[in-house]
Amino acid sequence: MTSHRGGPAGGQGPHPVIRLPHEQELFAHGRGVQDHLADKITAFAGSMVFVYVHMVWFAGWILINEGIFGQAAVFDPFPFGLLTMIVSLEAIFLSTFVMVSQNRQASRDTIRADLNFEASVRSEVWSTNLGRALGLDPEEIERQAQQLLAASRDKMNSDLGRPSA
């Protein structure tokens, strides 16, 4: 929580400013070295550089093992069993890194949803109190909000081809 001076009555001392933590701040506290490594590997594996490196690697492997540099250079003859095993192991590890990143993203989404919920509750409380202070009828405002939400849902359902509820 931070504070500032100069409220509505003009400089009566510090007033609390409510500040929700930022999702990135909360998420960053839970990341370790292994998480950073998994993110770096996943980011590289999802890049075109990764594809190009593998294209060169596979082409070189196949050309060497087809005898382009002579039979003495062949170390994994057709059907390239060693290459198959290496690629299979790489796929296992890469899929694991992707799952680790996806699990962390799900955790991040949960944090974001929790913060959004807190912000929504705060907004609702503030709106209700401001409305009362202005002499507005909360039931009438809620009825109007429900009508707008129902109309919005009906439009969304019709746009998606679903029957209205």
C-alpha atoms as a PDB file:
ATOM      1  CA  MET A   1       0.000   0.000   0.000  1.00  0.00           C
ATOM      2  CA  THR A   2       1.226   3.462  -0.852  1.00  0.00           C
ATOM      3  CA  SER A   3       0.014   6.830   0.338  1.00  0.00           C
ATOM      4  CA  HIS A   4      -0.297  10.340  -1.026  1.00  0.00           C
ATOM      5  CA  ARG A   5      -1.001  13.813   0.310  1.00  0.00           C
ATOM      6  CA  GLY A   6      -3.693  16.243  -0.623  1.00  0.00           C
ATOM      7  CA  GLY A   7      -7.046  14.479  -0.316  1.00  0.00           C
ATOM      8  CA  PRO A   8     -10.412  16.112  -0.931  1.00  0.00           C
ATOM      9  CA  ALA A   9     -10.065  18.461   2.070  1.00  0.00           C
ATOM     10  CA  GLY A  10      -6.611  19.494   0.883  1.00  0.00           C
ATOM     11  CA  GLY A  11      -3.496  18.153   2.564  1.00  0.00           C
ATOM     12  CA  GLN A  12      -4.798  16.620   5.777  1.00  0.00           C
ATOM     13  CA  GLY A  13      -2.051  14.041   5.933  1.00  0.00           C
ATOM     14  CA  PRO A  14      -1.451  10.683   4.317  1.00  0.00           C
ATOM     15  CA  HIS A  15      -4.433   8.848   2.866  1.00  0.00           C
ATOM     16  CA  PRO A  16      -4.170   5.190   1.913  1.00  0.00           C
ATOM     17  CA  VAL A  17      -4.276   4.370  -1.759  1.00  0.00           C
ATOM     18  CA  ILE A  18      -5.553   0.894  -2.422  1.00  0.00           C
ATOM     19  CA  ARG A  19      -3.376  -0.845  -4.953  1.00  0.00           C
ATOM     20  CA  LEU A  20      -3.807  -4.414  -6.063  1.00  0.00           C
ATOM     21  CA  PRO A  21      -0.579  -6.282  -6.710  1.00  0.00           C
ATOM     22  CA  HIS A  22       0.294  -6.647 -10.365  1.00  0.00           C
ATOM     23  CA  GLU A  23      -0.068 -10.141 -11.750  1.00  0.00           C
ATOM     24  CA  GLN A  24       3.505 -10.117 -13.094  1.00  0.00           C
ATOM     25  CA  GLU A  25       4.890  -9.222  -9.653  1.00  0.00           C
ATOM     26  CA  LEU A  26       3.037 -12.099  -8.012  1.00  0.00           C
ATOM     27  CA  PHE A  27       4.006 -14.516 -10.745  1.00  0.00           C
ATOM     28  CA  ALA A  28       7.683 -13.529 -10.727  1.00  0.00           C
ATOM     29  CA  HIS A  29       8.032 -14.491  -7.058  1.00  0.00           C
ATOM     30  CA  GLY A  30       7.228 -18.115  -7.847  1.00  0.00           C
ATOM     31  CA  ARG A  31       9.709 -18.599 -10.685  1.00  0.00           C
ATOM     32  CA  GLY A  32      12.970 -20.394 -10.100  1.00  0.00           C
ATOM     33  CA  VAL A  33      16.005 -21.215 -12.221  1.00  0.00           C
ATOM     34  CA  GLN A  34      14.315 -24.343 -13.590  1.00  0.00           C
ATOM     35  CA  ASP A  35      11.276 -22.303 -14.660  1.00  0.00           C
ATOM     36  CA  HIS A  36      13.479 -19.776 -16.459  1.00  0.00           C
ATOM     37  CA  LEU A  37      15.340 -22.595 -18.196  1.00  0.00           C
ATOM     38  CA  ALA A  38      12.091 -24.303 -19.252  1.00  0.00           C
ATOM     39  CA  ASP A  39      10.796 -20.992 -20.634  1.00  0.00           C
ATOM     40  CA  LYS A  40      13.998 -20.367 -22.600  1.00  0.00           C
ATOM     41  CA  ILE A  41      13.988 -23.882 -24.077  1.00  0.00           C
ATOM     42  CA  THR A  42      10.284 -23.674 -24.943  1.00  0.00           C
ATOM     43  CA  ALA A  43      10.750 -20.248 -26.542  1.00  0.00           C
ATOM     44  CA  PHE A  44      13.654 -21.540 -28.645  1.00  0.00           C
ATOM     45  CA  ALA A  45      11.803 -24.751 -29.592  1.00  0.00           C
ATOM     46  CA  GLY A  46       8.899 -22.635 -30.812  1.00  0.00           C
ATOM     47  CA  SER A  47      11.030 -20.511 -33.120  1.00  0.00           C
ATOM     48  CA  MET A  48      11.899 -20.745 -36.797  1.00  0.00           C
ATOM     49  CA  VAL A  49      15.586 -20.824 -35.844  1.00  0.00           C
ATOM     50  CA  PHE A  50      14.874 -24.181 -34.183  1.00  0.00           C
ATOM     51  CA  VAL A  51      13.305 -25.435 -37.409  1.00  0.00           C
ATOM     52  CA  TYR A  52      16.226 -24.235 -39.537  1.00  0.00           C
ATOM     53  CA  VAL A  53      18.823 -25.755 -37.194  1.00  0.00           C
ATOM     54  CA  HIS A  54      17.013 -29.085 -37.369  1.00  0.00           C
ATOM     55  CA  MET A  55      16.704 -28.954 -41.142  1.00  0.00           C
ATOM     56  CA  VAL A  56      20.459 -28.457 -41.462  1.00  0.00           C
ATOM     57  CA  TRP A  57      21.173 -31.090 -38.803  1.00  0.00           C
ATOM     58  CA  PHE A  58      18.919 -33.723 -40.415  1.00  0.00           C
ATOM     59  CA  ALA A  59      20.176 -32.975 -43.934  1.00  0.00           C
ATOM     60  CA  GLY A  60      23.802 -33.188 -42.768  1.00  0.00           C
ATOM     61  CA  TRP A  61      23.161 -36.410 -40.810  1.00  0.00           C
ATOM     62  CA  ILE A  62      21.457 -38.055 -43.772  1.00  0.00           C
ATOM     63  CA  LEU A  63      24.061 -36.909 -46.297  1.00  0.00           C
ATOM     64  CA  ILE A  64      26.960 -38.103 -44.106  1.00  0.00           C
ATOM     65  CA  ASN A  65      25.272 -41.441 -43.492  1.00  0.00           C
ATOM     66  CA  GLU A  66      24.424 -41.913 -47.141  1.00  0.00           C
ATOM     67  CA  GLY A  67      28.157 -41.830 -47.857  1.00  0.00           C
ATOM     68  CA  ILE A  68      28.644 -38.372 -49.387  1.00  0.00           C
ATOM     69  CA  PHE A  69      32.012 -38.131 -47.548  1.00  0.00           C
ATOM     70  CA  GLY A  70      32.849 -41.780 -48.125  1.00  0.00           C
ATOM     71  CA  GLN A  71      31.885 -44.985 -46.369  1.00  0.00           C
ATOM     72  CA  ALA A  72      34.435 -44.371 -43.603  1.00  0.00           C
ATOM     73  CA  ALA A  73      32.363 -41.362 -42.394  1.00  0.00           C
ATOM     74  CA  VAL A  74      29.119 -43.386 -42.126  1.00  0.00           C
ATOM     75  CA  PHE A  75      28.234 -43.946 -38.453  1.00  0.00           C
ATOM     76  CA  ASP A  76      24.432 -44.440 -38.620  1.00  0.00           C
ATOM     77  CA  PRO A  77      23.467 -46.241 -41.831  1.00  0.00           C
ATOM     78  CA  PHE A  78      19.944 -46.268 -43.219  1.00  0.00           C
ATOM     79  CA  PRO A  79      17.309 -46.529 -41.587  1.00  0.00           C
ATOM     80  CA  PHE A  80      19.163 -44.126 -39.239  1.00  0.00           C
ATOM     81  CA  GLY A  81      18.341 -45.830 -35.933  1.00  0.00           C
ATOM     82  CA  LEU A  82      20.538 -43.516 -33.851  1.00  0.00           C
ATOM     83  CA  LEU A  83      18.948 -40.425 -35.412  1.00  0.00           C
ATOM     84  CA  THR A  84      15.490 -41.864 -34.738  1.00  0.00           C
ATOM     85  CA  MET A  85      16.349 -42.481 -31.086  1.00  0.00           C
ATOM     86  CA  ILE A  86      17.826 -38.987 -30.629  1.00  0.00           C
ATOM     87  CA  VAL A  87      14.805 -37.322 -32.233  1.00  0.00           C
ATOM     88  CA  SER A  88      12.436 -39.402 -30.081  1.00  0.00           C
ATOM     89  CA  LEU A  89      14.266 -38.417 -26.895  1.00  0.00           C
ATOM     90  CA  GLU A  90      14.267 -34.778 -27.984  1.00  0.00           C
ATOM     91  CA  ALA A  91      10.512 -34.944 -28.574  1.00  0.00           C
ATOM     92  CA  ILE A  92       9.960 -36.408 -25.097  1.00  0.00           C
ATOM     93  CA  PHE A  93      11.970 -33.656 -23.422  1.00  0.00           C
ATOM     94  CA  LEU A  94      10.489 -30.863 -25.525  1.00  0.00           C
ATOM     95  CA  SER A  95       6.947 -32.008 -24.777  1.00  0.00           C
ATOM     96  CA  THR A  96       7.819 -32.019 -21.069  1.00  0.00           C
ATOM     97  CA  PHE A  97       9.170 -28.457 -21.275  1.00  0.00           C
ATOM     98  CA  VAL A  98       6.018 -27.370 -23.096  1.00  0.00           C
ATOM     99  CA  MET A  99       3.833 -28.958 -20.400  1.00  0.00           C
ATOM    100  CA  VAL A 100       5.864 -27.240 -17.653  1.00  0.00           C
ATOM    101  CA  SER A 101       5.361 -23.897 -19.410  1.00  0.00           C
ATOM    102  CA  GLN A 102       1.648 -24.583 -19.904  1.00  0.00           C
ATOM    103  CA  ASN A 103       1.204 -25.484 -16.234  1.00  0.00           C
ATOM    104  CA  ARG A 104       2.923 -22.268 -15.217  1.00  0.00           C
ATOM    105  CA  GLN A 105       0.763 -20.308 -17.649  1.00  0.00           C
ATOM    106  CA  ALA A 106      -2.326 -21.898 -16.078  1.00  0.00           C
ATOM    107  CA  SER A 107      -1.060 -20.765 -12.665  1.00  0.00           C
ATOM    108  CA  ARG A 108      -0.508 -17.290 -14.045  1.00  0.00           C
ATOM    109  CA  ASP A 109      -4.028 -17.246 -15.487  1.00  0.00           C
ATOM    110  CA  THR A 110      -5.400 -18.238 -12.070  1.00  0.00           C
ATOM    111  CA  ILE A 111      -3.514 -15.365 -10.425  1.00  0.00           C
ATOM    112  CA  ARG A 112      -4.825 -12.989 -13.094  1.00  0.00           C
ATOM    113  CA  ALA A 113      -8.397 -14.229 -12.603  1.00  0.00           C
ATOM    114  CA  ASP A 114      -8.126 -13.800  -8.820  1.00  0.00           C
ATOM    115  CA  LEU A 115      -6.846 -10.235  -9.222  1.00  0.00           C
ATOM    116  CA  ASN A 116      -9.586  -9.450 -11.753  1.00  0.00           C
ATOM    117  CA  PHE A 117     -12.180 -10.794  -9.328  1.00  0.00           C
ATOM    118  CA  GLU A 118     -10.778  -8.622  -6.511  1.00  0.00           C
ATOM    119  CA  ALA A 119     -10.822  -5.580  -8.781  1.00  0.00           C
ATOM    120  CA  SER A 120     -14.406  -6.323  -9.821  1.00  0.00           C
ATOM    121  CA  VAL A 121     -15.555  -6.668  -6.217  1.00  0.00           C
ATOM    122  CA  ARG A 122     -13.815  -3.409  -5.292  1.00  0.00           C
ATOM    123  CA  SER A 123     -15.414  -1.652  -8.267  1.00  0.00           C
ATOM    124  CA  GLU A 124     -18.833  -2.965  -7.338  1.00  0.00           C
ATOM    125  CA  VAL A 125     -18.488  -1.821  -3.719  1.00  0.00           C
ATOM    126  CA  TRP A 126     -17.251   1.611  -4.791  1.00  0.00           C
ATOM    127  CA  SER A 127     -19.987   1.961  -7.431  1.00  0.00           C
ATOM    128  CA  THR A 128     -22.704   0.981  -4.962  1.00  0.00           C
ATOM    129  CA  ASN A 129     -21.474   3.437  -2.339  1.00  0.00           C
ATOM    130  CA  LEU A 130     -21.024   6.249  -4.877  1.00  0.00           C
ATOM    131  CA  GLY A 131     -24.500   5.569  -6.235  1.00  0.00           C
ATOM    132  CA  ARG A 132     -26.010   5.732  -2.761  1.00  0.00           C
ATOM    133  CA  ALA A 133     -24.096   8.958  -2.030  1.00  0.00           C
ATOM    134  CA  LEU A 134     -25.566  10.418  -5.230  1.00  0.00           C
ATOM    135  CA  GLY A 135     -29.065   9.302  -4.218  1.00  0.00           C
ATOM    136  CA  LEU A 136     -29.432   6.654  -6.936  1.00  0.00           C
ATOM    137  CA  ASP A 137     -31.635   3.572  -6.485  1.00  0.00           C
ATOM    138  CA  PRO A 138     -29.380   0.458  -6.451  1.00  0.00           C
ATOM    139  CA  GLU A 139     -32.278  -1.875  -7.355  1.00  0.00           C
ATOM    140  CA  GLU A 140     -33.175   0.157 -10.440  1.00  0.00           C
ATOM    141  CA  ILE A 141     -29.531   0.268 -11.558  1.00  0.00           C
ATOM    142  CA  GLU A 142     -29.229  -3.505 -11.029  1.00  0.00           C
ATOM    143  CA  ARG A 143     -32.429  -4.086 -13.052  1.00  0.00           C
ATOM    144  CA  GLN A 144     -31.004  -2.012 -15.914  1.00  0.00           C
ATOM    145  CA  ALA A 145     -27.685  -3.865 -15.686  1.00  0.00           C
ATOM    146  CA  GLN A 146     -29.483  -7.233 -15.824  1.00  0.00           C
ATOM    147  CA  GLN A 147     -31.413  -6.108 -18.916  1.00  0.00           C
ATOM    148  CA  LEU A 148     -28.235  -5.005 -20.665  1.00  0.00           C
ATOM    149  CA  LEU A 149     -26.438  -8.240 -19.744  1.00  0.00           C
ATOM    150  CA  ALA A 150     -29.367 -10.361 -20.985  1.00  0.00           C
ATOM    151  CA  ALA A 151     -29.454  -8.424 -24.273  1.00  0.00           C
ATOM    152  CA  SER A 152     -25.696  -8.828 -24.646  1.00  0.00           C
ATOM    153  CA  ARG A 153     -25.918 -12.596 -23.986  1.00  0.00           C
ATOM    154  CA  ASP A 154     -28.783 -12.943 -26.479  1.00  0.00           C
ATOM    155  CA  LYS A 155     -26.793 -11.108 -29.160  1.00  0.00           C
ATOM    156  CA  MET A 156     -23.686 -13.192 -28.467  1.00  0.00           C
ATOM    157  CA  ASN A 157     -25.728 -16.412 -28.640  1.00  0.00           C
ATOM    158  CA  SER A 158     -27.410 -15.356 -31.886  1.00  0.00           C
ATOM    159  CA  ASP A 159     -24.011 -14.430 -33.383  1.00  0.00           C
ATOM    160  CA  LEU A 160     -22.733 -17.890 -32.424  1.00  0.00           C
ATOM    161  CA  GLY A 161     -25.883 -19.623 -33.697  1.00  0.00           C
ATOM    162  CA  ARG A 162     -26.993 -20.806 -30.255  1.00  0.00           C
ATOM    163  CA  PRO A 163     -30.577 -20.641 -29.019  1.00  0.00           C
ATOM    164  CA  SER A 164     -31.323 -17.847 -26.551  1.00  0.00           C
ATOM    165  CA  ALA A 165     -31.565 -18.881 -22.914  1.00  0.00           C
END
